[in-house]
């Protein structure tokens, strides 16, 4: 009797399924499309100038040293966020945190893969959509392909990367992802009008 009750309890016990924030969400309007990007590995990296070469070698991508720049290689992108700070995103299912483990040069690497959500904004109205809530000058002269910046969108902090003339990657914290996606959706509708 006890075995039957245990089997019944196990069969009816609720199960948990972990889904990425905004999983599968998409939106399109004339001239712009939004999509939630697949999960990626990410680290927040802090290091002094003397450690940059060793970390670049371990990560397989040269850490950029100039403001508003990024560098990419083999599915891994490093975005300059400050004089000693980078966001490293790996879309090739490799772990940049593991690559930093053996580096003895002074640094701090923190895994933030589950903290962030990425949204792509593409199309001829992509810059206008983002500029609806972001003060960054997104003209190609001021923010060329490969440019990266920590900035704001509406009320929240984002990290913005231009991946093509008419395409951007918007990184935001998971807790703000619904706000950011909704803001961009409404802005896309306005940009299309």
Protein backbone atom coordinates (compact mmCIF):
# COMPACT_ATOMS: atom_id res chain seq x y z
CA UNK A 1 0.00 0.00 0.00
CA UNK A 2 2.80 2.39 0.91
CA UNK A 3 4.59 1.64 -2.37
CA UNK A 4 1.47 2.45 -4.37
CA UNK A 5 1.02 5.74 -2.51
CA UNK A 6 4.67 6.65 -3.12
CA UNK A 7 4.33 5.91 -6.85
CA UNK A 8 1.15 7.99 -7.06
CA UNK A 9 2.81 10.91 -5.24
CA UNK A 10 5.85 10.74 -7.53
CA UNK A 11 3.66 10.63 -10.63
CA UNK A 12 1.59 13.65 -9.61
CA UNK A 13 4.38 15.72 -8.08
CA UNK A 14 4.79 19.03 -9.85
CA UNK A 15 7.81 19.33 -12.08
CA UNK A 16 9.83 22.42 -12.72
CA UNK A 17 11.02 23.41 -16.14
CA UNK A 18 13.57 26.18 -16.40
CA UNK A 19 12.87 28.40 -19.39
CA UNK A 20 14.91 31.41 -20.44
CA UNK A 21 13.28 34.78 -19.80
CA UNK A 22 11.15 35.87 -22.75
CA UNK A 23 11.71 32.46 -24.40
CA UNK A 24 10.55 32.55 -28.00
CA UNK A 25 9.35 36.15 -27.99
CA UNK A 26 9.50 37.98 -31.29
CA UNK A 27 8.01 41.17 -32.68
CA UNK A 28 8.14 42.82 -36.06
CA UNK A 29 6.89 46.04 -37.57
CA UNK A 30 7.69 47.79 -40.82
CA UNK A 31 11.47 48.21 -40.92
CA UNK A 32 12.33 46.53 -37.62
CA UNK A 33 12.30 43.09 -36.02
CA UNK A 34 12.94 42.08 -32.41
CA UNK A 35 13.91 38.61 -31.25
CA UNK A 36 15.17 37.14 -28.01
CA UNK A 37 18.56 35.61 -28.71
CA UNK A 38 19.47 32.09 -27.56
CA UNK A 39 21.20 31.73 -24.19
CA UNK A 40 24.94 32.46 -24.20
CA UNK A 41 27.82 32.17 -21.75
CA UNK A 42 28.86 35.54 -20.29
CA UNK A 43 31.41 36.85 -17.84
CA UNK A 44 31.99 40.22 -16.28
CA UNK A 45 35.75 40.70 -16.40
CA UNK A 46 37.83 43.23 -14.48
CA UNK A 47 41.61 43.45 -14.83
CA UNK A 48 44.47 45.95 -14.78
CA UNK A 49 46.38 46.77 -17.97
CA UNK A 50 49.21 44.41 -17.00
CA UNK A 51 46.85 41.41 -17.11
CA UNK A 52 45.18 42.12 -20.46
CA UNK A 53 47.63 40.16 -22.64
CA UNK A 54 47.39 36.98 -20.53
CA UNK A 55 43.60 37.17 -20.39
CA UNK A 56 43.33 37.85 -24.13
CA UNK A 57 45.44 34.76 -24.83
CA UNK A 58 43.36 32.58 -22.50
CA UNK A 59 40.06 33.82 -23.92
CA UNK A 60 41.16 33.56 -27.54
CA UNK A 61 40.04 37.10 -28.32
CA UNK A 62 41.99 40.33 -27.88
CA UNK A 63 40.36 42.43 -25.18
CA UNK A 64 39.66 45.86 -26.67
CA UNK A 65 41.38 48.79 -24.97
CA UNK A 66 39.55 51.73 -26.50
CA UNK A 67 36.17 53.14 -25.44
CA UNK A 68 33.08 52.00 -27.37
CA UNK A 69 34.87 49.08 -29.06
CA UNK A 70 34.53 45.34 -29.22
CA UNK A 71 36.48 42.40 -30.61
CA UNK A 72 35.13 39.08 -31.83
CA UNK A 73 36.61 35.72 -32.78
CA UNK A 74 35.13 32.22 -33.14
CA UNK A 75 31.77 33.02 -31.56
CA UNK A 76 33.22 34.97 -28.64
CA UNK A 77 32.87 38.75 -28.31
CA UNK A 78 34.60 41.04 -25.81
CA UNK A 79 33.01 44.46 -25.23
CA UNK A 80 34.94 47.34 -23.64
CA UNK A 81 32.86 48.78 -20.79
CA UNK A 82 35.52 50.77 -18.95
CA UNK A 83 39.30 51.17 -18.61
CA UNK A 84 39.53 47.87 -16.70
CA UNK A 85 36.17 46.26 -17.47
CA UNK A 86 34.80 44.01 -20.23
CA UNK A 87 31.70 41.96 -20.93
CA UNK A 88 32.67 38.70 -22.63
CA UNK A 89 29.89 36.86 -24.49
CA UNK A 90 30.36 33.38 -25.91
CA UNK A 91 27.73 32.11 -28.35
CA UNK A 92 29.73 29.00 -29.31
CA UNK A 93 28.83 27.00 -26.16
CA UNK A 94 32.28 27.49 -24.63
CA UNK A 95 32.79 28.74 -21.08
CA UNK A 96 34.92 31.90 -20.85
CA UNK A 97 34.96 31.60 -17.07
CA UNK A 98 36.69 28.23 -17.35
CA UNK A 99 39.22 29.77 -19.75
CA UNK A 100 40.19 32.34 -17.09
CA UNK A 101 40.77 29.78 -14.31
CA UNK A 102 44.41 29.09 -15.15
CA UNK A 103 45.34 32.76 -15.63
CA UNK A 104 47.58 33.81 -12.75
CA UNK A 105 47.62 37.49 -13.69
CA UNK A 106 45.48 39.69 -11.45
CA UNK A 107 41.83 39.70 -12.56
CA UNK A 108 38.25 39.15 -11.47
CA UNK A 109 35.97 37.04 -13.68
CA UNK A 110 32.37 36.48 -12.63
CA UNK A 111 29.89 34.28 -14.48
CA UNK A 112 26.76 36.25 -15.35
CA UNK A 113 25.23 33.95 -17.96
CA UNK A 114 21.88 33.63 -16.18
CA UNK A 115 21.72 37.30 -15.19
CA UNK A 116 21.50 38.69 -18.73
CA UNK A 117 19.07 38.36 -21.62
CA UNK A 118 19.95 39.46 -25.16
CA UNK A 119 17.51 40.94 -27.66
CA UNK A 120 18.32 41.53 -31.32
CA UNK A 121 16.97 44.65 -32.96
CA UNK A 122 17.34 44.51 -36.75
CA UNK A 123 16.18 46.34 -39.83
CA UNK A 124 16.38 49.83 -41.32
CA UNK A 125 14.44 51.29 -38.36
CA UNK A 126 16.57 49.53 -35.69
CA UNK A 127 18.53 52.64 -34.66
CA UNK A 128 15.36 54.77 -34.52
CA UNK A 129 13.69 52.11 -32.37
CA UNK A 130 16.53 52.08 -29.85
CA UNK A 131 16.87 55.87 -29.92
CA UNK A 132 13.27 56.13 -28.73
CA UNK A 133 14.66 55.55 -25.24
CA UNK A 134 18.43 55.72 -25.56
CA UNK A 135 20.39 58.99 -25.76
CA UNK A 136 23.36 57.33 -27.53
CA UNK A 137 24.12 58.76 -31.00
CA UNK A 138 23.57 55.67 -33.16
CA UNK A 139 24.59 57.16 -36.49
CA UNK A 140 27.12 54.96 -38.28
CA UNK A 141 29.75 57.71 -37.97
CA UNK A 142 29.41 57.92 -34.18
CA UNK A 143 28.51 54.27 -33.48
CA UNK A 144 29.98 52.10 -36.26
CA UNK A 145 29.69 48.33 -36.65
CA UNK A 146 31.48 46.78 -33.66
CA UNK A 147 30.78 49.72 -31.37
CA UNK A 148 29.71 48.81 -27.84
CA UNK A 149 28.50 50.90 -24.94
CA UNK A 150 26.92 50.62 -21.53
CA UNK A 151 24.01 53.05 -21.71
CA UNK A 152 20.34 53.35 -20.78
CA UNK A 153 17.07 52.49 -22.47
CA UNK A 154 14.11 54.17 -20.83
CA UNK A 155 14.69 53.55 -17.13
CA UNK A 156 17.17 50.68 -17.26
CA UNK A 157 20.83 50.06 -17.95
CA UNK A 158 21.67 48.10 -21.09
CA UNK A 159 24.80 47.13 -22.96
CA UNK A 160 24.47 47.88 -26.65
CA UNK A 161 26.51 46.31 -29.44
CA UNK A 162 26.17 47.19 -33.12
CA UNK A 163 26.64 43.95 -35.05
CA UNK A 164 25.79 45.31 -38.53
CA UNK A 165 24.78 48.60 -40.11
CA UNK A 166 21.14 47.82 -39.32
CA UNK A 167 21.47 45.32 -36.45
CA UNK A 168 22.06 45.64 -32.70
CA UNK A 169 22.39 43.33 -29.71
CA UNK A 170 20.77 44.71 -26.57
CA UNK A 171 21.95 43.05 -23.34
CA UNK A 172 19.90 43.66 -20.21
CA UNK A 173 19.41 42.10 -16.82
CA UNK A 174 16.85 39.30 -16.73
CA UNK A 175 14.76 41.18 -14.15
CA UNK A 176 14.35 44.06 -16.62
CA UNK A 177 13.95 41.97 -19.77
CA UNK A 178 10.15 42.21 -19.97
CA UNK A 179 10.35 46.00 -19.62
CA UNK A 180 13.08 46.26 -22.28
CA UNK A 181 11.28 43.98 -24.76
CA UNK A 182 7.97 45.80 -24.27
CA UNK A 183 9.67 49.21 -24.57
CA UNK A 184 11.40 48.17 -27.80
CA UNK A 185 8.17 46.67 -29.19
CA UNK A 186 6.28 49.90 -28.63
CA UNK A 187 9.16 51.96 -29.99
CA UNK A 188 9.32 49.71 -33.08
CA UNK A 189 5.65 50.36 -33.72
CA UNK A 190 6.26 54.10 -33.46
CA UNK A 191 9.35 53.94 -35.69
CA UNK A 192 7.33 52.08 -38.32
CA UNK A 193 4.56 54.71 -38.34
